[in-house]
Protein backbone atom coordinates (compact mmCIF):
# COMPACT_ATOMS: atom_id res chain seq x y z
CA MET A 1 55.90 95.01 58.05
CA ILE A 2 57.47 97.70 60.31
CA ALA A 3 61.39 98.11 61.58
CA CYS A 4 62.91 100.55 64.08
CA ASP A 5 65.33 100.68 66.62
CA VAL A 6 62.69 101.19 69.83
CA LEU A 7 59.27 100.22 69.64
CA VAL A 8 57.12 101.95 72.29
CA LEU A 9 53.78 100.33 72.93
CA GLY A 10 51.71 102.94 74.73
CA GLY A 11 51.20 106.65 74.62
CA GLY A 12 50.65 107.99 78.21
CA ILE A 13 53.08 110.01 80.38
CA ALA A 14 55.77 106.98 80.32
CA GLY A 15 55.46 105.69 76.76
CA CYS A 16 55.61 109.21 75.43
CA THR A 17 58.55 110.24 77.60
CA THR A 18 60.21 107.17 76.37
CA ALA A 19 59.72 107.68 72.83
CA LEU A 20 60.90 111.35 73.02
CA HIS A 21 63.85 110.82 74.96
CA ALA A 22 64.86 108.01 72.67
CA ALA A 23 64.33 109.78 69.85
CA GLU A 24 66.29 112.81 71.17
CA LEU A 25 69.39 110.36 71.92
CA GLY A 26 69.19 109.72 68.07
CA ALA A 27 66.82 106.47 68.15
CA ASP A 28 64.81 105.41 65.18
CA VAL A 29 61.24 105.00 67.31
CA VAL A 30 57.82 103.89 66.55
CA MET A 31 55.15 104.57 68.86
CA ALA A 32 51.87 102.20 68.96
CA VAL A 33 48.88 103.62 70.65
CA LYS A 34 45.60 101.56 71.35
CA ASP A 35 43.34 104.57 70.28
CA ALA A 36 43.81 107.71 69.24
CA LEU A 37 47.23 109.61 70.78
CA GLY A 38 45.93 110.82 74.38
CA GLU A 39 43.43 108.54 74.96
CA THR A 40 44.95 107.30 78.01
CA ASN A 41 45.03 107.25 82.02
CA THR A 42 47.40 110.17 82.06
CA THR A 43 44.45 112.28 80.51
CA TYR A 44 42.27 111.15 83.31
CA ALA A 45 44.70 111.90 86.17
CA GLN A 46 43.03 115.02 87.86
CA GLY A 47 45.11 115.59 90.82
CA GLY A 48 48.93 116.21 90.23
CA ILE A 49 52.35 115.38 90.07
CA VAL A 50 54.91 115.54 92.92
CA GLY A 51 57.45 118.55 91.75
CA LEU A 52 58.85 118.89 95.23
CA PRO A 53 60.57 118.47 97.54
CA GLY A 54 63.94 120.26 97.50
CA GLU A 55 66.66 120.21 99.85
CA GLU A 56 65.76 122.64 102.08
CA GLY A 57 62.60 124.26 103.94
CA LEU A 58 59.98 122.23 105.10
CA ASP A 59 60.35 119.43 102.66
CA SER A 60 63.01 117.01 101.69
CA PRO A 61 63.70 113.87 99.32
CA GLU A 62 63.79 111.77 102.61
CA LEU A 63 60.53 113.19 103.95
CA LEU A 64 58.86 112.38 100.70
CA ALA A 65 60.55 108.88 100.77
CA GLN A 66 59.11 108.17 104.16
CA ASP A 67 55.61 109.32 102.99
CA ILE A 68 56.13 106.93 100.07
CA GLU A 69 57.05 104.19 102.21
CA ARG A 70 54.33 104.51 104.76
CA ALA A 71 51.63 104.77 102.32
CA GLY A 72 52.85 101.40 100.79
CA ALA A 73 52.59 99.38 103.65
CA GLY A 74 56.15 98.71 104.30
CA LEU A 75 56.04 96.81 101.14
CA CYS A 76 58.17 99.32 98.74
CA ARG A 77 61.31 98.72 97.21
CA PRO A 78 63.72 100.76 98.99
CA GLU A 79 65.93 101.34 95.86
CA ALA A 80 63.10 102.54 93.71
CA VAL A 81 61.77 104.74 96.35
CA GLU A 82 65.27 106.22 97.05
CA LEU A 83 65.62 106.77 93.30
CA LEU A 84 62.30 108.48 92.66
CA ALA A 85 62.61 110.74 95.75
CA ARG A 86 66.09 112.18 94.61
CA LEU A 87 65.76 112.41 91.03
CA GLY A 88 62.29 112.68 90.26
CA PRO A 89 61.04 116.10 91.47
CA THR A 90 63.70 117.91 89.63
CA LEU A 91 63.17 115.92 86.33
CA CYS A 92 59.56 116.91 86.59
CA ARG A 93 60.51 120.98 86.99
CA ASP A 94 63.33 120.79 84.15
CA TYR A 95 61.38 118.59 81.52
CA LEU A 96 57.81 119.17 81.79
CA TRP A 97 57.73 122.56 83.32
CA ARG A 98 60.69 124.35 81.86
CA LYS A 99 61.37 122.21 78.61
CA LEU A 100 57.72 121.25 77.30
CA GLY A 101 56.00 123.82 79.15
CA VAL A 102 53.18 122.15 81.14
CA PRO A 103 51.04 124.78 82.09
CA PHE A 104 51.24 123.91 85.95
CA ASP A 105 49.17 126.67 87.91
CA ILE A 106 51.77 129.64 89.18
CA ASP A 107 52.05 131.25 92.64
CA GLY A 108 52.91 134.67 93.40
CA THR A 109 56.77 134.19 92.69
CA GLY A 110 56.34 132.57 89.06
CA ALA A 111 57.00 129.28 90.23
CA PRO A 112 54.59 126.05 89.80
CA GLU A 113 52.12 126.34 92.86
CA SER A 114 52.19 123.18 95.03
CA THR A 115 49.11 121.70 97.00
CA GLN A 116 48.73 118.70 99.64
CA GLU A 117 46.93 115.45 99.08
CA ALA A 118 46.52 112.68 101.41
CA ALA A 119 49.21 110.80 103.19
CA HIS A 120 51.76 113.51 102.26
CA SER A 121 53.54 115.46 104.71
CA ALA A 122 54.06 118.84 102.89
CA ARG A 123 52.64 120.44 100.00
CA ARG A 124 54.60 119.24 97.37
CA ILE A 125 51.98 118.61 94.53
CA TYR A 126 52.02 120.46 91.10
CA HIS A 127 48.86 120.74 89.18
CA ALA A 128 47.10 122.46 86.32
CA LYS A 129 43.75 123.17 88.05
CA ASP A 130 41.77 119.66 88.45
CA ALA A 131 43.11 118.78 84.88
CA THR A 132 46.70 118.05 85.52
CA GLY A 133 46.77 114.71 83.64
CA ARG A 134 45.37 116.14 80.55
CA ALA A 135 47.91 119.03 80.73
CA ILE A 136 50.74 116.93 80.52
CA GLN A 137 49.48 114.69 77.88
CA GLU A 138 48.81 117.57 75.58
CA ALA A 139 52.33 118.88 75.86
CA LEU A 140 53.74 115.44 75.53
CA ASN A 141 51.51 114.95 72.37
CA GLN A 142 52.50 117.90 70.73
CA ALA A 143 56.09 117.22 71.12
CA VAL A 144 55.94 113.46 70.11
CA ARG A 145 54.07 114.78 66.87
CA ASP A 146 56.97 117.35 66.28
CA ASN A 147 59.88 115.06 66.50
CA PRO A 148 60.77 113.85 62.73
CA ARG A 149 62.46 110.57 64.65
CA ILE A 150 58.81 109.23 65.98
CA ARG A 151 56.29 107.40 63.86
CA ILE A 152 53.05 107.22 65.66
CA LEU A 153 50.50 104.48 64.88
CA GLU A 154 46.90 105.40 66.31
CA HIS A 155 44.44 102.55 66.57
CA SER A 156 47.23 99.84 66.90
CA ALA A 157 46.39 97.32 69.58
CA LEU A 158 48.87 95.13 70.99
CA VAL A 159 48.02 91.56 69.85
CA ASP A 160 51.34 89.82 71.20
CA LEU A 161 54.98 90.25 71.56
CA ILE A 162 57.27 88.77 68.93
CA THR A 163 59.83 86.32 70.62
CA VAL A 164 62.25 83.76 69.53
CA PRO A 165 61.67 80.77 69.76
CA HIS A 166 58.16 81.18 69.89
CA HIS A 167 57.76 83.11 66.71
CA GLY A 168 60.96 82.11 64.77
CA ARG A 169 61.04 79.79 61.93
CA ASP A 170 63.75 77.76 63.14
CA PRO A 171 62.80 75.15 65.52
CA ARG A 172 66.50 74.89 66.66
CA LYS A 173 65.97 77.89 68.59
CA VAL A 174 63.97 76.51 71.18
CA TYR A 175 67.04 75.85 72.92
CA ASP A 176 68.12 79.59 73.18
CA PRO A 177 66.97 82.00 75.66
CA ILE A 178 63.68 83.99 74.99
CA GLN A 179 64.35 87.06 73.12
CA VAL A 180 61.74 89.82 72.16
CA TRP A 181 62.00 91.32 68.79
CA GLY A 182 58.92 93.67 68.63
CA ALA A 183 55.03 93.20 68.54
CA TYR A 184 52.26 91.93 66.25
CA LEU A 185 50.01 95.09 66.10
CA LEU A 186 46.05 95.10 65.26
CA ASP A 187 44.94 98.23 63.08
CA THR A 188 41.64 98.71 64.76
CA THR A 189 40.07 100.24 61.59
CA ASP A 190 40.52 97.61 59.25
CA GLY A 191 41.18 94.48 61.24
CA THR A 192 44.57 93.60 59.37
CA VAL A 193 47.48 92.94 61.65
CA GLN A 194 51.17 93.58 60.63
CA MET A 195 54.52 92.53 62.37
CA ALA A 196 56.86 95.72 63.81
CA ILE A 197 60.37 94.44 64.61
CA ALA A 198 62.78 96.48 66.77
CA LYS A 199 65.99 96.02 68.57
CA ARG A 200 64.17 96.94 71.93
CA THR A 201 60.59 97.02 72.72
CA VAL A 202 58.99 99.02 75.67
CA LEU A 203 55.79 98.17 77.20
CA ALA A 204 53.80 101.33 78.32
CA THR A 205 50.23 100.05 78.22
CA GLY A 206 48.77 100.90 81.24
CA GLY A 207 46.71 99.35 83.83
CA LEU A 208 44.07 96.91 83.69
CA GLY A 209 41.06 99.13 85.91
CA TYR A 210 38.40 98.52 83.56
CA LEU A 211 38.54 94.71 84.37
CA TYR A 212 36.48 95.92 87.47
CA LEU A 213 33.02 96.61 87.44
CA HIS A 214 33.41 100.03 89.19
CA THR A 215 36.40 101.92 88.03
CA SER A 216 37.77 105.25 87.33
CA ASN A 217 39.76 104.28 84.37
CA PRO A 218 38.68 104.50 80.65
CA PRO A 219 37.68 100.88 78.81
CA SER A 220 41.08 100.93 76.84
CA ALA A 221 42.46 99.84 80.50
CA THR A 222 42.17 96.21 80.11
CA GLY A 223 45.75 94.79 81.03
CA ASP A 224 46.93 94.04 77.24
CA GLY A 225 50.36 94.57 78.09
CA LEU A 226 50.30 92.67 81.26
CA ALA A 227 48.92 89.82 79.39
CA ALA A 228 51.27 89.72 76.57
CA ALA A 229 54.32 89.82 79.00
CA TYR A 230 52.66 87.17 80.51
CA ARG A 231 52.30 84.68 77.41
CA ALA A 232 55.92 85.82 76.72
CA SER A 233 57.12 84.37 80.08
CA ALA A 234 58.25 87.78 81.41
CA ARG A 235 58.18 87.91 85.24
CA ILE A 236 55.00 89.33 86.63
CA VAL A 237 54.74 90.16 90.66
CA ASN A 238 51.95 91.71 93.07
CA CYS A 239 48.90 91.45 90.79
CA GLU A 240 46.93 91.35 94.17
CA TYR A 241 47.72 94.94 94.93
CA VAL A 242 45.07 96.80 93.03
CA GLN A 243 44.35 100.16 94.33
CA PHE A 244 40.66 101.70 94.81
CA HIS A 245 40.13 105.47 94.83
CA PRO A 246 38.12 106.54 97.55
CA THR A 247 36.17 109.25 95.73
CA THR A 248 34.34 108.71 92.21
CA LEU A 249 31.39 110.60 91.41
CA TYR A 250 28.08 108.27 92.02
CA ILE A 251 25.37 108.53 89.84
CA GLN A 252 23.53 105.19 89.59
CA GLY A 253 23.46 103.71 86.28
CA LYS A 254 26.41 105.61 85.15
CA PRO A 255 29.94 105.21 84.91
CA ARG A 256 32.28 106.52 87.49
CA ARG A 257 34.26 109.63 87.22
CA LEU A 258 37.07 110.67 89.52
CA LEU A 259 37.10 113.37 92.12
CA THR A 260 40.93 114.05 92.87
CA GLU A 261 42.29 113.61 96.02
CA ALA A 262 43.34 117.37 95.82
CA LEU A 263 39.40 118.19 97.27
CA ARG A 264 40.22 116.25 100.24
CA GLY A 265 44.03 117.78 100.58
CA GLU A 266 42.28 121.19 100.45
CA GLY A 267 39.97 120.28 103.35
CA ALA A 268 36.73 118.94 101.96
CA HIS A 269 35.08 116.53 104.52
CA LEU A 270 33.43 113.08 103.99
CA VAL A 271 30.08 112.62 105.43
CA ASN A 272 27.37 109.82 105.28
CA GLY A 273 23.63 109.98 104.53
CA ALA A 274 22.89 111.70 107.83
CA GLY A 275 25.65 114.21 107.05
CA GLU A 276 27.71 113.11 110.04
CA ARG A 277 31.48 113.08 109.39
CA PHE A 278 32.79 109.73 109.96
CA MET A 279 36.31 109.67 109.46
CA GLY A 280 37.25 110.18 112.86
CA LYS A 281 36.34 106.33 113.84
CA TYR A 282 38.45 105.03 111.26
CA ALA A 283 41.60 107.43 111.17
CA PRO A 284 41.34 109.89 113.91
CA ASP A 285 45.03 111.35 113.52
CA GLN A 286 44.72 111.64 109.53
CA MET A 287 40.87 111.91 109.11
CA GLU A 288 40.40 112.44 105.44
CA LEU A 289 43.92 113.11 104.83
CA ALA A 290 44.66 108.97 105.69
CA PRO A 291 46.12 106.71 102.88
CA ARG A 292 43.77 105.82 100.16
CA ASP A 293 43.51 102.35 101.37
CA VAL A 294 42.24 103.66 104.49
CA VAL A 295 39.83 105.90 103.23
CA SER A 296 38.45 103.44 100.64
CA ARG A 297 38.11 100.81 103.43
CA ALA A 298 36.13 103.53 105.67
CA ILE A 299 33.61 104.36 102.93
CA PHE A 300 32.93 100.67 102.12
CA GLN A 301 32.42 100.17 106.01
CA GLU A 302 30.29 103.16 106.60
CA MET A 303 28.12 102.15 103.69
CA ALA A 304 27.76 98.73 104.97
CA SER A 305 26.72 99.90 108.67
CA THR A 306 24.37 102.61 107.44
CA GLY A 307 22.95 101.00 104.43
CA ASP A 308 23.59 103.85 102.21
CA LEU A 309 24.38 103.46 98.87
CA CYS A 310 27.31 105.96 98.50
CA ALA A 311 29.16 108.32 101.29
CA TYR A 312 29.38 112.06 100.28
CA LEU A 313 31.96 114.68 99.82
CA ASP A 314 31.09 118.23 101.54
CA LEU A 315 33.28 121.15 99.82
CA SER A 316 31.70 123.41 102.09
CA PRO A 317 34.79 123.85 104.23
CA LEU A 318 36.75 125.09 101.41
CA LYS A 319 34.66 127.68 100.21
CA ALA A 320 35.83 130.35 102.76
CA THR A 321 39.66 130.07 101.60
CA LEU A 322 39.29 128.82 98.09
CA ASP A 323 37.94 129.81 94.76
CA LEU A 324 36.46 126.68 94.01
CA GLU A 325 35.49 127.80 90.17
CA ALA A 326 38.80 128.46 89.48
CA ARG A 327 40.60 125.45 91.47
CA PHE A 328 38.26 122.92 90.12
CA PRO A 329 36.28 123.87 87.31
CA ASN A 330 36.18 120.13 85.31
CA ILE A 331 34.95 118.80 88.70
CA LEU A 332 32.16 121.06 89.40
CA GLU A 333 31.09 121.33 85.59
CA ALA A 334 31.15 117.33 85.79
CA CYS A 335 28.72 117.30 89.14
CA ARG A 336 26.58 120.20 87.34
CA GLN A 337 25.76 118.09 84.34
CA GLU A 338 24.28 115.41 86.65
CA GLY A 339 22.31 117.96 88.13
CA LEU A 340 24.29 118.85 91.08
CA ASP A 341 25.44 121.72 92.63
CA PRO A 342 28.28 121.00 94.75
CA LEU A 343 28.68 124.46 96.23
CA ARG A 344 25.37 124.05 97.74
CA GLN A 345 25.33 120.35 98.40
CA PRO A 346 27.90 117.26 99.22
CA ILE A 347 28.69 115.16 96.30
CA PRO A 348 27.62 111.68 96.52
CA VAL A 349 31.05 109.29 96.13
CA VAL A 350 31.99 105.51 96.09
CA PRO A 351 35.16 103.79 95.75
CA ALA A 352 36.55 102.30 92.47
CA ALA A 353 39.08 100.54 91.16
CA HIS A 354 41.98 103.25 90.30
CA TYR A 355 45.90 101.76 90.28
CA PHE A 356 47.42 98.63 89.49
CA CYS A 357 50.50 98.47 91.75
CA GLY A 358 51.90 95.36 90.49
CA GLY A 359 53.17 94.69 87.19
CA VAL A 360 55.94 93.53 84.67
CA ALA A 361 58.90 93.14 87.27
CA VAL A 362 61.76 95.62 86.13
CA ASP A 363 64.92 97.04 87.46
CA SER A 364 65.81 100.86 88.01
CA GLN A 365 66.07 101.42 84.10
CA GLY A 366 63.04 99.32 83.36
CA HIS A 367 64.88 96.06 82.19
CA THR A 368 62.55 93.00 82.32
CA ASN A 369 63.92 89.59 82.70
CA LEU A 370 63.24 88.81 78.98
CA PRO A 371 66.09 90.49 76.72
CA GLY A 372 64.80 92.82 74.39
CA LEU A 373 61.78 93.77 76.57
CA LEU A 374 61.49 96.92 78.78
CA ALA A 375 58.38 98.24 80.94
CA VAL A 376 57.41 101.73 82.11
CA GLY A 377 54.38 102.93 83.42
CA GLU A 378 51.41 101.26 85.14
CA VAL A 379 52.26 98.05 83.28
CA ALA A 380 55.75 97.88 85.20
CA CYS A 381 56.17 97.03 88.91
CA THR A 382 59.27 99.18 89.84
CA GLY A 383 58.59 98.34 93.27
CA LEU A 384 58.15 102.03 94.42
CA HIS A 385 54.36 102.18 95.35
CA GLY A 386 54.72 98.62 97.52
CA ALA A 387 51.26 97.72 98.34
CA ASN A 388 49.43 101.20 97.89
CA ARG A 389 50.33 104.10 95.84
CA LEU A 390 50.98 107.46 97.62
CA ALA A 391 49.13 109.92 95.70
CA SER A 392 50.55 111.80 92.50
CA THR A 393 53.41 109.29 92.67
CA SER A 394 52.31 107.48 89.36
CA LEU A 395 52.80 110.39 86.95
CA LEU A 396 56.29 111.14 88.42
CA GLU A 397 57.17 107.28 88.48
CA GLY A 398 56.24 106.98 84.52
CA LEU A 399 58.46 110.31 83.52
CA LEU A 400 61.43 109.02 85.35
CA TRP A 401 61.46 105.64 84.48
CA GLY A 402 60.29 106.36 80.91
CA PHE A 403 63.42 108.75 80.83
CA ARG A 404 65.92 105.83 82.45
CA ALA A 405 64.30 103.19 80.03
CA ALA A 406 64.93 105.62 76.75
CA GLU A 407 68.43 105.72 77.69
CA ALA A 408 68.95 101.92 78.65
CA ALA A 409 67.23 100.81 75.17
CA VAL A 410 69.03 103.31 73.27
CA GLU A 411 72.32 102.01 75.00
CA ASP A 412 71.35 98.72 74.01
CA CYS A 413 70.42 99.51 70.67
CA ARG A 414 74.04 100.40 69.66
CA VAL A 415 75.35 96.88 69.85
CA THR A 416 72.37 94.99 68.78
CA SER A 417 71.55 94.16 65.12
CA LEU A 418 68.02 93.86 64.15
CA ILE A 419 66.76 90.18 63.49
CA PRO A 420 66.24 89.56 59.99
CA CYS A 421 62.52 89.27 59.13
CA GLU A 422 62.62 86.30 57.16
CA GLU A 423 63.63 84.22 60.53
CA LEU A 424 60.21 85.29 62.01
CA GLU A 425 56.83 83.98 61.32
CA PRO A 426 54.48 86.75 60.00
CA TRP A 427 51.07 86.88 61.71
CA HIS A 428 48.65 84.30 60.64
CA PRO A 429 44.98 84.93 60.79
CA PRO A 430 42.56 82.39 62.44
CA THR A 431 41.26 80.08 60.21
CA ASN A 432 37.61 80.08 62.21
CA THR A 433 35.58 82.55 60.17
CA LEU A 434 32.63 82.67 62.19
CA VAL A 435 31.54 86.06 63.35
CA PRO A 436 32.04 86.39 67.13
CA ASP A 437 28.37 86.95 69.21
CA PRO A 438 28.59 90.19 70.86
CA LEU A 439 26.15 89.35 73.30
CA LEU A 440 28.22 86.67 74.43
CA ILE A 441 30.99 88.74 74.49
CA GLU A 442 29.33 91.55 76.51
CA GLN A 443 27.95 88.89 79.01
CA ASP A 444 31.18 87.34 79.69
CA TRP A 445 32.95 90.90 80.09
CA ASN A 446 30.06 91.57 82.56
CA SER A 447 31.00 88.38 84.44
CA ILE A 448 34.93 89.06 84.71
CA ARG A 449 34.17 92.71 85.92
CA THR A 450 31.44 91.80 88.38
CA THR A 451 33.39 88.61 89.71
CA LEU A 452 36.86 90.52 90.26
CA TRP A 453 34.78 93.47 92.19
CA ASN A 454 32.96 90.98 94.21
CA TYR A 455 35.92 88.71 95.15
CA ALA A 456 39.26 90.66 94.49
CA GLY A 457 37.61 94.13 95.63
CA ILE A 458 37.95 96.47 98.43
CA VAL A 459 37.89 93.86 100.99
CA LEU A 460 38.19 90.04 101.30
CA GLN A 461 34.76 88.56 101.48
CA CYS A 462 35.61 85.13 102.22
CA GLY A 463 35.12 83.78 105.34
CA ARG A 464 33.45 87.28 106.43
CA TRP A 465 36.62 88.55 107.29
CA LEU A 466 36.34 92.39 106.34
CA GLY A 467 39.74 93.85 107.39
CA ALA A 468 42.23 93.81 104.48
CA ALA A 469 43.06 96.79 102.95
CA PRO A 470 42.04 97.29 99.33
CA THR A 471 45.39 96.64 98.03
CA LEU A 472 46.21 93.91 100.56
CA THR A 473 43.26 91.75 99.73
CA LEU A 474 44.64 88.31 99.19
CA ARG A 475 48.25 88.34 100.24
CA ALA A 476 47.37 90.25 103.86
CA ALA A 477 44.56 87.92 104.55
CA CYS A 478 46.82 84.80 104.19
CA ARG A 479 49.35 86.39 106.60
CA SER A 480 46.59 87.15 109.16
């Protein structure tokens, strides 16, 4: 059995930030990660993180807030938008750049260089070439490893949240409100399950993109934390808002690989199989810099009208003004490994499930409706993203809410006593000793992923209506 002040479930930017800041505030922290430390969606984030705006010049917190609201289809939570626009960029600069030393690309003044992405009104995105998430994750990994107050449990998958009365020994507790006291954790190396009890538990388990047939997410993104929160009776909102990234590398028969939005932000064009630039038909004012939902739907509809299996991303407009080898080395290498030369030919692309905008409903400090449970990052729904996330805000949201949740959790711990372990039921292994058939499991997985792709995907197919934005598939259809 493990006991601690704060149990953090997940090790991306939100989980690591929560663990680090809670430890800095004096808490005894355990951080459990499903795979090896660093195997997260944060690692795979290419484009960047909002590091500006400042109070002066061509950008401002107010303009950033307007861009977030516009991209979110007017369904964002205003308090969350204002909080991130006001506090997030400063925290990015002070904590990630100055304190942790994340190696953002630097401009001529020695400050982080900024770029632009779709639906942003200004150049405000900090980046580390085309592997920003990896640079951030590596800095966080080192910091949590170096902190003596943090115990890291790798290959520890969440089985279930420990709640009373559900897992309490005293049946009279059924009359009490539900309280979260930690989690059961599966050691994936030996199959054992141990109990980790904590004064405060923080879900930071990431998203659910791997539930879709085509996704930019790693195989670990299966919505474990969301499912556990649902079983514990946490409030879940906006599950219909799944964002699809417009441009993932299309190689038939192979998993999709993300191609950062910064390519279009720097001036790359989308073309069809005939080499025709088509975004003018769908978003004539913004073209390739339209929000992700608009671009994803445009690619889908262009493929449907032409019969092409994919669209293409043409980098030739960038070659005159940008050193592509220096700015996007990982993307160029990924294409070349597939026999493509992006400097000589357009890159085949298709949309894919990318980011979950819904999740466990939380307040401005990450509190859920269940005492003892907080949630941060992609598993949580702060209301920031509304129906469609603005590019490069998710890393910043994870950073900001991780910081605030750590402060809230530590403050709660000061007035909370740990539940005695004898009041909780230990994990009871299943009595059925039959070995699961891996072929049946694989068949079920394929069925789930195909069903979600076909019926909860980029557009609503029911009734032949194809007008819904990718993140508005069900609710917008009902309103229409």
